[in-house]
Amino acid sequence: MAERKKIKVTLAKGIARCREDHVATVRGLGLKWTNHTVEVVDTPSTRGMINKVSYLLRVEG
């Protein structure tokens, strides 16, 4: 099988004063604390999550 493309996502800012749905989106991406980095599969749904909270994230292709 072909390997799925992945994106590295890092939580660049804290989520203390963010909206609850934005906090839930960050948690849904698997990010737990500031400067935490995870690799997520590049799908339209994860792209939408990244776009929603892009002001909190640093993304590497």
N, C-alpha and C. Protein backbone atom coordinates (compact mmCIF):
# COMPACT_ATOMS: atom_id res chain seq x y z
N MET A 1 0.83 -1.20 0.00
CA MET A 1 0.00 0.00 0.00
C MET A 1 0.87 1.26 0.00
N ALA A 2 0.35 2.29 -0.57
CA ALA A 2 1.06 3.56 -0.61
C ALA A 2 1.00 4.23 0.76
N GLU A 3 2.10 4.90 1.09
CA GLU A 3 2.12 5.61 2.36
C GLU A 3 1.28 6.86 2.28
N ARG A 4 0.60 7.15 3.37
CA ARG A 4 -0.22 8.36 3.41
C ARG A 4 0.64 9.57 3.74
N LYS A 5 0.33 10.68 3.10
CA LYS A 5 1.07 11.91 3.36
C LYS A 5 0.74 12.42 4.75
N LYS A 6 1.76 12.88 5.47
CA LYS A 6 1.56 13.38 6.83
C LYS A 6 2.01 14.83 6.93
N ILE A 7 1.42 15.52 7.90
CA ILE A 7 1.75 16.92 8.15
C ILE A 7 2.19 17.03 9.61
N LYS A 8 3.27 17.76 9.86
CA LYS A 8 3.70 18.02 11.24
C LYS A 8 3.01 19.28 11.72
N VAL A 9 2.34 19.18 12.87
CA VAL A 9 1.62 20.31 13.44
C VAL A 9 2.15 20.56 14.84
N THR A 10 2.48 21.82 15.14
CA THR A 10 2.99 22.20 16.45
C THR A 10 2.09 23.25 17.06
N LEU A 11 1.76 23.09 18.33
CA LEU A 11 0.97 24.09 19.04
C LEU A 11 1.90 25.23 19.45
N ALA A 12 1.77 26.38 18.79
CA ALA A 12 2.69 27.50 18.99
C ALA A 12 2.26 28.43 20.11
N LYS A 13 0.95 28.50 20.39
CA LYS A 13 0.43 29.40 21.42
C LYS A 13 -0.41 28.61 22.40
N GLY A 14 -0.57 29.16 23.59
CA GLY A 14 -1.40 28.52 24.60
C GLY A 14 -2.87 28.65 24.28
N ILE A 15 -3.67 27.80 24.88
CA ILE A 15 -5.11 27.77 24.59
C ILE A 15 -5.94 28.21 25.79
N ALA A 16 -5.35 28.90 26.74
CA ALA A 16 -6.02 29.25 27.98
C ALA A 16 -7.26 30.13 27.76
N ARG A 17 -7.19 31.09 26.85
CA ARG A 17 -8.31 32.02 26.67
C ARG A 17 -9.03 31.82 25.35
N CYS A 18 -8.94 30.64 24.79
CA CYS A 18 -9.58 30.35 23.51
C CYS A 18 -10.99 29.85 23.71
N ARG A 19 -11.76 29.91 22.63
CA ARG A 19 -13.12 29.37 22.65
C ARG A 19 -13.08 27.87 22.89
N GLU A 20 -14.13 27.35 23.50
CA GLU A 20 -14.18 25.93 23.84
C GLU A 20 -14.08 25.04 22.61
N ASP A 21 -14.73 25.44 21.51
CA ASP A 21 -14.67 24.59 20.32
C ASP A 21 -13.28 24.60 19.70
N HIS A 22 -12.53 25.69 19.87
CA HIS A 22 -11.16 25.73 19.37
C HIS A 22 -10.26 24.84 20.22
N VAL A 23 -10.48 24.86 21.53
CA VAL A 23 -9.72 23.98 22.43
C VAL A 23 -9.99 22.52 22.06
N ALA A 24 -11.25 22.19 21.80
CA ALA A 24 -11.62 20.83 21.42
C ALA A 24 -10.97 20.43 20.10
N THR A 25 -10.86 21.36 19.17
CA THR A 25 -10.23 21.09 17.88
C THR A 25 -8.74 20.80 18.06
N VAL A 26 -8.08 21.59 18.91
CA VAL A 26 -6.66 21.37 19.19
C VAL A 26 -6.47 20.00 19.83
N ARG A 27 -7.32 19.65 20.77
CA ARG A 27 -7.24 18.33 21.41
C ARG A 27 -7.52 17.22 20.40
N GLY A 28 -8.45 17.47 19.47
CA GLY A 28 -8.76 16.49 18.44
C GLY A 28 -7.59 16.22 17.51
N LEU A 29 -6.74 17.22 17.32
CA LEU A 29 -5.54 17.03 16.52
C LEU A 29 -4.47 16.26 17.28
N GLY A 30 -4.66 16.09 18.59
CA GLY A 30 -3.71 15.33 19.41
C GLY A 30 -2.68 16.18 20.12
N LEU A 31 -2.88 17.49 20.10
CA LEU A 31 -1.93 18.41 20.75
C LEU A 31 -2.32 18.60 22.21
N LYS A 32 -1.33 18.57 23.10
CA LYS A 32 -1.63 18.61 24.52
C LYS A 32 -1.09 19.84 25.24
N TRP A 33 0.08 20.35 24.83
CA TRP A 33 0.67 21.49 25.50
C TRP A 33 1.40 22.36 24.48
N THR A 34 1.84 23.52 24.90
CA THR A 34 2.56 24.43 24.01
C THR A 34 3.86 23.78 23.54
N ASN A 35 4.18 23.96 22.29
CA ASN A 35 5.36 23.38 21.62
C ASN A 35 5.29 21.87 21.46
N HIS A 36 4.13 21.28 21.65
CA HIS A 36 3.94 19.85 21.40
C HIS A 36 3.73 19.66 19.90
N THR A 37 4.42 18.68 19.31
CA THR A 37 4.34 18.42 17.88
C THR A 37 3.79 17.03 17.64
N VAL A 38 2.87 16.92 16.69
CA VAL A 38 2.34 15.63 16.28
C VAL A 38 2.33 15.57 14.76
N GLU A 39 2.30 14.35 14.23
CA GLU A 39 2.13 14.15 12.79
C GLU A 39 0.73 13.64 12.56
N VAL A 40 -0.01 14.32 11.70
CA VAL A 40 -1.37 13.91 11.37
C VAL A 40 -1.44 13.58 9.88
N VAL A 41 -2.34 12.68 9.53
CA VAL A 41 -2.53 12.30 8.13
C VAL A 41 -3.21 13.46 7.40
N ASP A 42 -2.72 13.74 6.20
CA ASP A 42 -3.24 14.86 5.41
C ASP A 42 -4.55 14.45 4.73
N THR A 43 -5.67 14.78 5.37
CA THR A 43 -6.99 14.53 4.81
C THR A 43 -7.77 15.84 4.81
N PRO A 44 -8.85 15.92 4.06
CA PRO A 44 -9.64 17.15 4.08
C PRO A 44 -10.16 17.51 5.47
N SER A 45 -10.49 16.52 6.29
CA SER A 45 -11.01 16.83 7.62
C SER A 45 -9.92 17.40 8.53
N THR A 46 -8.71 16.86 8.47
CA THR A 46 -7.64 17.42 9.30
C THR A 46 -7.22 18.79 8.78
N ARG A 47 -7.28 18.99 7.46
CA ARG A 47 -6.98 20.32 6.91
C ARG A 47 -7.98 21.35 7.43
N GLY A 48 -9.24 20.97 7.51
CA GLY A 48 -10.25 21.86 8.05
C GLY A 48 -10.01 22.20 9.50
N MET A 49 -9.60 21.21 10.28
CA MET A 49 -9.28 21.45 11.69
C MET A 49 -8.09 22.40 11.81
N ILE A 50 -7.08 22.18 10.98
CA ILE A 50 -5.89 23.04 11.01
C ILE A 50 -6.26 24.47 10.61
N ASN A 51 -7.09 24.64 9.60
CA ASN A 51 -7.51 25.97 9.17
C ASN A 51 -8.31 26.69 10.25
N LYS A 52 -9.11 25.94 11.01
CA LYS A 52 -9.95 26.54 12.04
C LYS A 52 -9.12 27.18 13.14
N VAL A 53 -8.04 26.53 13.54
CA VAL A 53 -7.21 27.04 14.64
C VAL A 53 -5.81 27.40 14.16
N SER A 54 -5.70 27.87 12.93
CA SER A 54 -4.40 28.17 12.34
C SER A 54 -3.63 29.25 13.10
N TYR A 55 -4.33 30.12 13.79
CA TYR A 55 -3.68 31.19 14.54
C TYR A 55 -2.94 30.64 15.78
N LEU A 56 -3.17 29.37 16.13
CA LEU A 56 -2.51 28.75 17.27
C LEU A 56 -1.39 27.81 16.86
N LEU A 57 -1.31 27.49 15.58
CA LEU A 57 -0.45 26.40 15.13
C LEU A 57 0.71 26.86 14.27
N ARG A 58 1.72 25.99 14.17
CA ARG A 58 2.81 26.11 13.22
C ARG A 58 2.77 24.80 12.43
N VAL A 59 2.68 24.88 11.10
CA VAL A 59 2.49 23.71 10.26
C VAL A 59 3.70 23.53 9.35
N GLU A 60 4.18 22.27 9.26
CA GLU A 60 5.29 21.93 8.36
C GLU A 60 4.81 20.82 7.45
N GLY A 61 5.01 21.00 6.16
CA GLY A 61 4.56 20.06 5.16
C GLY A 61 5.25 18.76 5.26
